[in-house]
Structure formats: C-alpha cells, structure tokens
C-alpha cells in the first residue's frame, strides 16, 4: 500500500515519522524515493541506517528525534506515520504538537498519511489477565517461531489501553515480557483533531486494499492535504 500511495503522489521526498527499523522506509528506497525518517529510539535509527546501507542506499537519513517537536528546515512531498505509531502519543497536546510539525514540513500540494486501527469494544472490554494470541513470526536470532500473547486493561475515561505482550517459543515460555500503552482514537475524535489542525481529509480508507471506510472497517487510513 505504501509503495502505491507514494509512487502515485506528487514528488519523491518522503518523511516517515516513528520510522523504527525501516520497515516502511527501506522498501520505499527501493522504489527510488528519497527517505528521511525520525524516531525516538537511537538504536532503531542506527539499525535502519545500517540496513539501508546494506541495500546499497547511502542517501537515506534516519534522525534520532521526537515527532512532537522537530524542525528539519525542509518541506516534503509525502509525510507518513504508519502502523499505529500515532497511538503511542497518549495526550491530545502531543498529537496536536505532532500535527503542527507536520504542517510546517509538508509542501502545499503534499500528502500526509496516517494509519491507525479502529477501536473495538469487544477487544478492549476483555477479562483482565486473560491472554489472547496476537502475532506469530519467525525470529532469526533464536531460529524459532515465536508467538506473542497479550493481556490488556482499558481505561475508557482516558481512552488508553495498557497492554502486556508475552513472547514465547516452543522451547521457552515468556522469554520476553513487554508493557506499553496506546491511545484509542474513534473516527469522530480523529476527524475533529485533524480539521482543527488545519488538514483537509481527502480520503478515509478502511483497509490496506484502500476500500472506503465503513462501520465494519478495522483500520482508519487517512489521506490528508493542507
């Protein structure tokens, strides 16, 4: 999806917020786009830079910084915050600051893309401490399949979901446990915040096939202009 959206936009200067290890950015480099990434984790930035160099791209920039307060003194054709990264900003003030930075870095005819999932009451109001299987993947470092189970505790007043992830392989259960919180945004709240920040909602899709958003959609994928 990201390849399609970026290749069909005007221009090739792309800024990815919360760029992580380069999951989105490196495939876009392969499409001939110029990539700048910002992430709060220096180790992620270093890893993404190394990976891009290993693929033969020495022009990528991965900057250690905060997506709520940055000034790159440059404007971009495309700005992306992908795969629920926006949800790690737990306060309205943080989101508003992020949106202000985006506006200051987006070209007049540029596009801003947000990808977050749709809150589900069935998902959040679950029995406490009951584990649910969420992700399975192959971990090359331990050479085993890994399963991630999660428990959650949802605070409806603050709209914050507190999650615990339990990583297990066939040989070792719970070899890693991580805790984090995410903010839940319903479409009416996100629409209001975007409009108040000065963005125009060009499209709202409900899945990675870019079907229009409906009540049954599991994702909120925004295409925005200024």
Protein backbone atom coordinates (compact mmCIF):
# COMPACT_ATOMS: atom_id res chain seq x y z
CA UNK A 1 0.00 0.00 0.00
CA UNK A 2 2.72 2.49 0.94
CA UNK A 3 4.56 1.86 -2.32
CA UNK A 4 1.37 2.53 -4.29
CA UNK A 5 0.47 5.71 -2.41
CA UNK A 6 3.96 7.19 -2.55
CA UNK A 7 4.59 6.31 -6.18
CA UNK A 8 1.31 7.99 -7.16
CA UNK A 9 1.94 11.18 -5.18
CA UNK A 10 3.49 14.39 -6.50
CA UNK A 11 7.23 14.31 -5.83
CA UNK A 12 9.60 11.86 -4.22
CA UNK A 13 10.70 13.48 -0.95
CA UNK A 14 9.27 11.33 1.86
CA UNK A 15 9.37 11.87 5.61
CA UNK A 16 8.40 8.95 7.85
CA UNK A 17 7.56 9.71 11.47
CA UNK A 18 8.31 6.98 14.02
CA UNK A 19 10.30 5.22 11.31
CA UNK A 20 11.54 2.44 13.59
CA UNK A 21 13.87 -0.08 11.97
CA UNK A 22 12.93 0.91 8.41
CA UNK A 23 10.03 -1.48 7.84
CA UNK A 24 8.30 1.11 5.62
CA UNK A 25 11.22 3.29 4.58
CA UNK A 26 13.58 0.71 3.11
CA UNK A 27 11.05 -0.72 0.60
CA UNK A 28 10.33 2.88 -0.45
CA UNK A 29 14.04 3.48 -1.02
CA UNK A 30 13.95 0.55 -3.43
CA UNK A 31 11.22 2.41 -5.35
CA UNK A 32 13.57 5.34 -5.95
CA UNK A 33 12.14 7.66 -3.30
CA UNK A 34 14.26 9.92 -1.09
CA UNK A 35 13.66 8.98 2.53
CA UNK A 36 14.08 10.81 5.81
CA UNK A 37 12.98 9.06 9.00
CA UNK A 38 12.59 10.29 12.57
CA UNK A 39 12.40 8.00 15.59
CA UNK A 40 12.71 8.40 19.35
CA UNK A 41 14.95 5.32 19.54
CA UNK A 42 18.56 5.94 18.54
CA UNK A 43 19.20 2.20 18.24
CA UNK A 44 16.32 1.93 15.74
CA UNK A 45 17.74 4.83 13.73
CA UNK A 46 21.20 3.25 13.70
CA UNK A 47 19.74 -0.10 12.63
CA UNK A 48 17.64 1.44 9.84
CA UNK A 49 20.65 3.38 8.57
CA UNK A 50 22.76 0.21 8.55
CA UNK A 51 20.04 -1.75 6.76
CA UNK A 52 19.59 0.91 4.10
CA UNK A 53 23.35 1.00 3.55
CA UNK A 54 23.42 -2.80 3.27
CA UNK A 55 20.85 -2.50 0.48
CA UNK A 56 23.06 0.00 -1.34
CA UNK A 57 21.29 3.20 -0.32
CA UNK A 58 23.62 5.76 1.22
CA UNK A 59 21.32 8.77 0.76
CA UNK A 60 18.73 7.83 3.40
CA UNK A 61 18.57 9.83 6.62
CA UNK A 62 17.32 8.42 9.90
CA UNK A 63 17.26 11.07 12.59
CA UNK A 64 17.10 10.49 16.33
CA UNK A 65 14.33 12.85 17.42
CA UNK A 66 10.86 13.44 18.83
CA UNK A 67 7.94 13.52 16.37
CA UNK A 68 6.16 16.11 18.55
CA UNK A 69 8.97 18.67 18.26
CA UNK A 70 11.25 18.69 15.24
CA UNK A 71 12.45 21.25 12.72
CA UNK A 72 14.25 19.86 9.69
CA UNK A 73 14.15 23.19 7.79
CA UNK A 74 12.77 21.38 4.77
CA UNK A 75 9.38 20.54 3.29
CA UNK A 76 8.33 17.14 1.95
CA UNK A 77 6.00 15.82 -0.73
CA UNK A 78 4.80 12.97 1.48
CA UNK A 79 4.72 12.53 5.26
CA UNK A 80 3.78 9.16 6.77
CA UNK A 81 3.05 7.89 10.24
CA UNK A 82 2.33 4.20 9.77
CA UNK A 83 1.20 1.07 11.59
CA UNK A 84 -0.43 2.65 14.66
CA UNK A 85 2.63 4.67 15.65
CA UNK A 86 0.45 7.72 16.29
CA UNK A 87 -1.30 5.78 19.07
CA UNK A 88 1.83 5.99 21.24
CA UNK A 89 1.11 9.70 21.71
CA UNK A 90 -1.17 9.41 24.72
CA UNK A 91 -2.17 13.06 25.20
CA UNK A 92 -4.08 15.41 22.90
CA UNK A 93 -1.34 18.00 23.35
CA UNK A 94 1.25 15.58 21.95
CA UNK A 95 -0.86 14.80 18.89
CA UNK A 96 -1.55 18.49 18.30
CA UNK A 97 2.18 19.25 18.51
CA UNK A 98 2.94 16.45 16.05
CA UNK A 99 0.33 17.74 13.60
CA UNK A 100 1.76 21.26 13.86
CA UNK A 101 5.22 19.93 12.97
CA UNK A 102 3.74 18.03 10.02
CA UNK A 103 2.08 21.18 8.67
CA UNK A 104 5.38 23.04 8.94
CA UNK A 105 7.13 20.35 6.88
CA UNK A 106 4.50 19.49 4.24
CA UNK A 107 4.58 21.11 0.81
CA UNK A 108 1.48 22.99 -0.33
CA UNK A 109 0.41 20.14 -2.62
CA UNK A 110 1.85 17.41 -0.39
CA UNK A 111 0.07 14.45 1.20
CA UNK A 112 0.02 13.36 4.84
CA UNK A 113 -0.90 9.73 5.58
CA UNK A 114 -1.97 8.28 8.94
CA UNK A 115 -2.58 4.58 9.57
CA UNK A 116 -4.28 3.58 12.85
CA UNK A 117 -6.61 0.76 13.75
CA UNK A 118 -10.27 1.09 14.59
CA UNK A 119 -11.11 0.63 18.29
CA UNK A 120 -13.32 -2.36 19.05
CA UNK A 121 -15.34 -2.61 22.29
CA UNK A 122 -15.12 -6.41 22.09
CA UNK A 123 -11.35 -6.13 22.05
CA UNK A 124 -10.92 -3.73 24.96
CA UNK A 125 -13.52 -4.93 27.42
CA UNK A 126 -11.96 -8.35 27.92
CA UNK A 127 -11.43 -10.30 31.13
CA UNK A 128 -8.36 -8.98 32.92
CA UNK A 129 -5.26 -11.22 32.77
CA UNK A 130 -6.81 -13.47 30.12
CA UNK A 131 -4.25 -13.93 27.33
CA UNK A 132 -5.07 -13.64 23.65
CA UNK A 133 -2.80 -14.75 20.83
CA UNK A 134 -1.97 -11.77 18.60
CA UNK A 135 1.11 -12.34 16.42
CA UNK A 136 3.24 -15.23 15.18
CA UNK A 137 6.59 -14.72 13.47
CA UNK A 138 9.94 -16.38 12.86
CA UNK A 139 12.78 -14.96 14.97
CA UNK A 140 16.05 -15.39 13.09
CA UNK A 141 18.12 -14.62 16.20
CA UNK A 142 16.85 -17.66 18.11
CA UNK A 143 15.94 -19.61 14.96
CA UNK A 144 12.44 -20.42 16.21
CA UNK A 145 8.81 -19.50 15.66
CA UNK A 146 7.63 -17.00 18.26
CA UNK A 147 4.09 -16.40 19.47
CA UNK A 148 3.02 -13.16 21.14
CA UNK A 149 0.12 -13.26 23.57
CA UNK A 150 -1.35 -10.14 25.10
CA UNK A 151 -3.41 -9.01 28.05
CA UNK A 152 -4.93 -5.56 28.28
CA UNK A 153 -6.54 -3.15 30.69
CA UNK A 154 -8.58 -0.42 29.01
CA UNK A 155 -9.32 2.91 30.69
CA UNK A 156 -12.44 4.28 28.94
CA UNK A 157 -12.19 7.72 30.58
CA UNK A 158 -8.68 8.36 29.23
CA UNK A 159 -9.19 6.13 26.14
CA UNK A 160 -5.86 4.46 26.91
CA UNK A 161 -5.22 0.75 26.52
CA UNK A 162 -2.49 -0.72 28.74
CA UNK A 163 -1.00 -3.78 27.07
CA UNK A 164 1.34 -6.55 28.16
CA UNK A 165 2.95 -8.74 25.49
CA UNK A 166 4.29 -12.21 26.32
CA UNK A 167 6.82 -13.68 23.87
CA UNK A 168 7.12 -17.48 23.79
CA UNK A 169 8.83 -20.09 21.63
CA UNK A 170 8.49 -23.86 21.64
CA UNK A 171 11.49 -24.17 23.95
CA UNK A 172 10.91 -21.23 26.28
CA UNK A 173 7.68 -19.70 27.51
CA UNK A 174 7.56 -15.98 28.28
CA UNK A 175 11.21 -15.39 27.40
CA UNK A 176 10.34 -11.72 26.98
CA UNK A 177 7.59 -9.62 28.55
CA UNK A 178 6.98 -6.03 27.46
CA UNK A 179 4.45 -3.45 28.61
CA UNK A 180 3.23 -0.37 26.78
CA UNK A 181 0.19 1.86 26.42
CA UNK A 182 -1.67 3.10 23.36
CA UNK A 183 -4.31 5.77 22.89
CA UNK A 184 -7.54 4.78 21.17
CA UNK A 185 -8.99 7.21 18.62
CA UNK A 186 -12.51 6.86 17.29
CA UNK A 187 -13.10 8.41 13.84
CA UNK A 188 -15.12 11.37 15.13
CA UNK A 189 -12.30 12.34 17.52
CA UNK A 190 -9.57 11.94 14.92
CA UNK A 191 -11.59 13.81 12.27
CA UNK A 192 -12.11 16.73 14.65
CA UNK A 193 -8.44 16.91 15.66
CA UNK A 194 -7.28 16.82 12.05
CA UNK A 195 -9.69 19.54 10.92
CA UNK A 196 -8.80 21.73 13.91
CA UNK A 197 -5.13 21.29 12.99
CA UNK A 198 -5.86 22.68 9.52
CA UNK A 199 -5.84 19.49 7.45
CA UNK A 200 -8.29 18.57 4.71
CA UNK A 201 -9.46 14.95 4.77
CA UNK A 202 -9.08 13.81 1.16
CA UNK A 203 -9.76 10.11 1.73
CA UNK A 204 -10.54 7.77 4.60
CA UNK A 205 -9.96 4.09 3.84
CA UNK A 206 -10.81 1.10 5.98
CA UNK A 207 -8.18 -1.46 4.96
CA UNK A 208 -4.85 -1.88 3.18
CA UNK A 209 -6.67 -2.51 -0.10
CA UNK A 210 -7.86 1.11 0.14
CA UNK A 211 -11.55 0.29 0.31
CA UNK A 212 -13.60 3.18 1.64
CA UNK A 213 -14.11 3.28 5.40
CA UNK A 214 -17.36 1.73 6.70
CA UNK A 215 -18.76 0.75 10.09
CA UNK A 216 -17.22 -2.71 9.60
CA UNK A 217 -13.71 -1.41 8.89
CA UNK A 218 -10.84 -2.47 11.12
CA UNK A 219 -8.48 0.35 10.11
CA UNK A 220 -8.54 4.12 9.69
CA UNK A 221 -6.16 5.16 6.90
CA UNK A 222 -6.22 8.90 6.24
CA UNK A 223 -5.04 10.77 3.17
CA UNK A 224 -4.71 14.44 4.08
CA UNK A 225 -3.78 17.73 2.48
CA UNK A 226 -3.41 21.33 3.63
